[in-house]
Each structure stands twice: as C-alpha cells, then as structure tokens.
C-alpha atoms as a PDB file:
ATOM      1  CA  MET A   1      -7.627   1.653   5.640  1.00  0.00           C
ATOM      2  CA  SER A   2      -4.902   2.390   3.164  1.00  0.00           C
ATOM      3  CA  TYR A   3      -1.824   0.269   2.558  1.00  0.00           C
ATOM      4  CA  VAL A   4       1.813   1.414   2.293  1.00  0.00           C
ATOM      5  CA  ASP A   5       4.829  -0.008   0.503  1.00  0.00           C
ATOM      6  CA  GLY A   6       8.184   1.213   1.825  1.00  0.00           C
ATOM      7  CA  PHE A   7      11.590   1.007   0.156  1.00  0.00           C
ATOM      8  CA  VAL A   8      15.138   1.869   1.222  1.00  0.00           C
ATOM      9  CA  ALA A   9      18.136   1.699  -1.121  1.00  0.00           C
ATOM     10  CA  ALA A  10      21.690   2.973  -1.491  1.00  0.00           C
ATOM     11  CA  VAL A  11      22.165   4.986  -4.684  1.00  0.00           C
ATOM     12  CA  PRO A  12      25.573   6.001  -6.047  1.00  0.00           C
ATOM     13  CA  ASN A  13      25.859   9.778  -5.755  1.00  0.00           C
ATOM     14  CA  GLU A  14      26.854   9.998  -9.418  1.00  0.00           C
ATOM     15  CA  ASN A  15      23.510   8.394 -10.331  1.00  0.00           C
ATOM     16  CA  LYS A  16      21.287  10.917  -8.549  1.00  0.00           C
ATOM     17  CA  GLN A  17      19.824  12.358 -11.768  1.00  0.00           C
ATOM     18  CA  LYS A  18      19.361   8.874 -13.248  1.00  0.00           C
ATOM     19  CA  TYR A  19      17.582   7.867 -10.043  1.00  0.00           C
ATOM     20  CA  ILE A  20      15.263  10.880 -10.258  1.00  0.00           C
ATOM     21  CA  GLU A  21      14.377   9.975 -13.854  1.00  0.00           C
ATOM     22  CA  HIS A  22      13.831   6.315 -12.881  1.00  0.00           C
ATOM     23  CA  ALA A  23      11.673   7.356  -9.921  1.00  0.00           C
ATOM     24  CA  LYS A  24       9.546   9.797 -11.951  1.00  0.00           C
ATOM     25  CA  LEU A  25       8.705   7.147 -14.528  1.00  0.00           C
ATOM     26  CA  SER A  26       8.063   4.578 -11.804  1.00  0.00           C
ATOM     27  CA  ALA A  27       5.757   6.986  -9.960  1.00  0.00           C
ATOM     28  CA  THR A  28       3.734   7.559 -13.122  1.00  0.00           C
ATOM     29  CA  VAL A  29       3.329   3.814 -13.617  1.00  0.00           C
ATOM     30  CA  PHE A  30       2.413   3.220  -9.962  1.00  0.00           C
ATOM     31  CA  LYS A  31      -0.238   5.950 -10.033  1.00  0.00           C
ATOM     32  CA  GLU A  32      -1.685   4.642 -13.292  1.00  0.00           C
ATOM     33  CA  HIS A  33      -2.092   1.280 -11.572  1.00  0.00           C
ATOM     34  CA  GLY A  34      -3.890   2.574  -8.486  1.00  0.00           C
ATOM     35  CA  ALA A  35      -1.366   4.220  -6.152  1.00  0.00           C
ATOM     36  CA  LEU A  36      -2.609   7.377  -4.453  1.00  0.00           C
ATOM     37  CA  LYS A  37       0.780   8.907  -3.723  1.00  0.00           C
ATOM     38  CA  VAL A  38       4.451   8.151  -4.352  1.00  0.00           C
ATOM     39  CA  THR A  39       7.205   9.803  -2.325  1.00  0.00           C
ATOM     40  CA  GLU A  40      10.926   9.676  -3.071  1.00  0.00           C
ATOM     41  CA  ALA A  41      13.395  11.154  -0.583  1.00  0.00           C
ATOM     42  CA  TRP A  42      17.163  11.602  -0.989  1.00  0.00           C
ATOM     43  CA  GLY A  43      19.007  11.117   2.322  1.00  0.00           C
ATOM     44  CA  ASP A  44      20.062  14.320   4.026  1.00  0.00           C
ATOM     45  CA  ASN A  45      20.427  13.381   7.704  1.00  0.00           C
ATOM     46  CA  VAL A  46      20.866   9.600   7.797  1.00  0.00           C
ATOM     47  CA  PRO A  47      23.345   8.737  10.557  1.00  0.00           C
ATOM     48  CA  ASP A  48      25.384   5.548  10.733  1.00  0.00           C
ATOM     49  CA  GLY A  49      24.412   3.319  13.605  1.00  0.00           C
ATOM     50  CA  LYS A  50      26.432   1.038  15.830  1.00  0.00           C
ATOM     51  CA  VAL A  51      23.970  -1.864  15.780  1.00  0.00           C
ATOM     52  CA  THR A  52      21.551  -0.970  12.995  1.00  0.00           C
ATOM     53  CA  SER A  53      20.663   1.964  10.769  1.00  0.00           C
ATOM     54  CA  PHE A  54      19.476   2.733   7.280  1.00  0.00           C
ATOM     55  CA  PRO A  55      23.073   2.824   5.943  1.00  0.00           C
ATOM     56  CA  ILE A  56      23.873  -0.525   7.571  1.00  0.00           C
ATOM     57  CA  ALA A  57      20.636  -2.096   6.313  1.00  0.00           C
ATOM     58  CA  VAL A  58      21.440  -1.323   2.663  1.00  0.00           C
ATOM     59  CA  ASN A  59      25.228  -1.625   2.984  1.00  0.00           C
ATOM     60  CA  CYS A  60      25.604   2.002   1.921  1.00  0.00           C
ATOM     61  CA  GLY A  61      29.026   2.820   0.518  1.00  0.00           C
ATOM     62  CA  GLN A  62      31.034   5.995   1.027  1.00  0.00           C
ATOM     63  CA  ASN A  63      29.992   7.438  -2.348  1.00  0.00           C
ATOM     64  CA  GLU A  64      26.332   6.480  -2.017  1.00  0.00           C
ATOM     65  CA  THR A  65      23.266   8.067  -0.441  1.00  0.00           C
ATOM     66  CA  VAL A  66      20.344   6.323   1.227  1.00  0.00           C
ATOM     67  CA  VAL A  67      16.973   6.945  -0.422  1.00  0.00           C
ATOM     68  CA  PHE A  68      13.621   6.320   1.222  1.00  0.00           C
ATOM     69  CA  SER A  69      10.523   5.775  -0.864  1.00  0.00           C
ATOM     70  CA  SER A  70       6.900   5.096  -0.092  1.00  0.00           C
ATOM     71  CA  VAL A  71       3.818   4.278  -2.102  1.00  0.00           C
ATOM     72  CA  ILE A  72       0.371   4.812  -0.588  1.00  0.00           C
ATOM     73  CA  TRP A  73      -2.477   2.662  -1.883  1.00  0.00           C
ATOM     74  CA  PRO A  74      -6.189   2.894  -1.071  1.00  0.00           C
ATOM     75  CA  SER A  75      -6.201  -0.753   0.098  1.00  0.00           C
ATOM     76  CA  LYS A  76      -4.161  -3.948   0.055  1.00  0.00           C
ATOM     77  CA  GLU A  77      -6.442  -5.322  -2.654  1.00  0.00           C
ATOM     78  CA  VAL A  78      -5.708  -2.359  -4.942  1.00  0.00           C
ATOM     79  CA  ARG A  79      -2.023  -2.683  -4.097  1.00  0.00           C
ATOM     80  CA  ASP A  80      -1.924  -6.392  -4.954  1.00  0.00           C
ATOM     81  CA  ALA A  81      -3.698  -5.836  -8.281  1.00  0.00           C
ATOM     82  CA  GLY A  82      -1.520  -2.790  -8.964  1.00  0.00           C
ATOM     83  CA  TRP A  83       1.708  -4.696  -8.358  1.00  0.00           C
ATOM     84  CA  GLU A  84       0.596  -7.469 -10.683  1.00  0.00           C
ATOM     85  CA  ALA A  85      -0.052  -4.916 -13.434  1.00  0.00           C
ATOM     86  CA  ILE A  86       3.174  -3.002 -12.685  1.00  0.00           C
ATOM     87  CA  MET A  87       5.265  -6.138 -13.062  1.00  0.00           C
ATOM     88  CA  GLN A  88       3.758  -6.648 -16.536  1.00  0.00           C
ATOM     89  CA  ASP A  89       4.040  -2.997 -17.600  1.00  0.00           C
ATOM     90  CA  PRO A  90       6.746  -2.675 -20.293  1.00  0.00           C
ATOM     91  CA  ARG A  91       7.898   0.660 -18.806  1.00  0.00           C
ATOM     92  CA  MET A  92       9.030  -1.174 -15.670  1.00  0.00           C
ATOM     93  CA  GLN A  93      11.166  -3.747 -17.469  1.00  0.00           C
ATOM     94  CA  PRO A  94      14.936  -3.454 -16.901  1.00  0.00           C
ATOM     95  CA  ASP A  95      15.625  -2.591 -20.539  1.00  0.00           C
ATOM     96  CA  GLN A  96      13.119   0.305 -20.406  1.00  0.00           C
ATOM     97  CA  ASN A  97      13.678   1.604 -16.862  1.00  0.00           C
ATOM     98  CA  PRO A  98      16.914   0.168 -15.406  1.00  0.00           C
ATOM     99  CA  MET A  99      17.531   0.595 -11.689  1.00  0.00           C
ATOM    100  CA  PRO A 100      20.446   3.036 -11.194  1.00  0.00           C
ATOM    101  CA  PHE A 101      21.442   1.235  -7.976  1.00  0.00           C
ATOM    102  CA  ASP A 102      22.174  -2.285  -6.746  1.00  0.00           C
ATOM    103  CA  GLY A 103      18.736  -3.887  -6.445  1.00  0.00           C
ATOM    104  CA  LYS A 104      20.171  -6.714  -4.331  1.00  0.00           C
ATOM    105  CA  ARG A 105      20.624  -4.209  -1.488  1.00  0.00           C
ATOM    106  CA  LEU A 106      17.107  -2.767  -1.758  1.00  0.00           C
ATOM    107  CA  ILE A 107      14.930  -3.463   1.262  1.00  0.00           C
ATOM    108  CA  TYR A 108      11.173  -3.192   1.005  1.00  0.00           C
ATOM    109  CA  GLY A 109       7.947  -4.262   2.598  1.00  0.00           C
ATOM    110  CA  GLY A 110       4.216  -3.793   2.582  1.00  0.00           C
ATOM    111  CA  PHE A 111       2.496  -2.355   5.641  1.00  0.00           C
ATOM    112  CA  GLU A 112      -1.096  -2.334   6.838  1.00  0.00           C
ATOM    113  CA  VAL A 113      -1.882   1.161   8.085  1.00  0.00           C
ATOM    114  CA  ILE A 114      -3.066   1.080  11.710  1.00  0.00           C
ATOM    115  CA  ILE A 115      -3.334   4.846  12.308  1.00  0.00           C
ATOM    116  CA  GLU A 116      -4.087   7.443   9.673  1.00  0.00           C
ATOM    117  CA  GLU A 117      -4.635  11.053  10.715  1.00  0.00           C
END
C-alpha cells in the first residue's frame, strides 16, 4: 500500500505567488526522490470552526489563506528514504527555497493508506 504525507499551513495572501514557486520546486524535488504525486491546494471554502478547524489548527490570520498539501509515496520505505534525501538536497535549504509562510504553524503527518480505490 502507498503512504501519504499531509500538510496544512497558513500562507499570507500577498505571498501566494511565492508559495506557488516554492511548491513547484518542492514538488520537483519530492518526485525526484520517489514521490508519485504532489498536490497543493489553495483554500477556497475553509470555514472557521467553533471547537476546531483548519484555520484554528494553523492559527490562520485575517490576511492569510489555508493551504492543504499531500505527497503520495509508493510505500513508507520509499517515503523514509525520500525524506532523508530531500533534507540533504540543496534545493530544499532555506537559503535556496525559503518557506513563504510561518513554518512554526505548519501541521503535518505521515499516514498509512488503509483504503485505496
């Protein structure tokens, strides 16, 4: 079964184009290191919640938009090896590909796929 990494972040609206450029380069690097597919989605219908929500989870400000990203890997083993290589790849270093958002508010996790249709 495949393996999925998921990410949610709040990106300043003024940085949308910078985010797209950052995400395109990141997607290239991820795919070179074994990812099957990378998806980046700019929030369009992301409601505030009363108890929890995407905006609450990333402390989304008034002039920010929630983004949702996923990376699909063929397996956890490929993912683990890929991440190790990605962290060493010079294109992913902050001076080469700075994050156009507050990385401290990024939430992420790795998920074992249990259904794939």
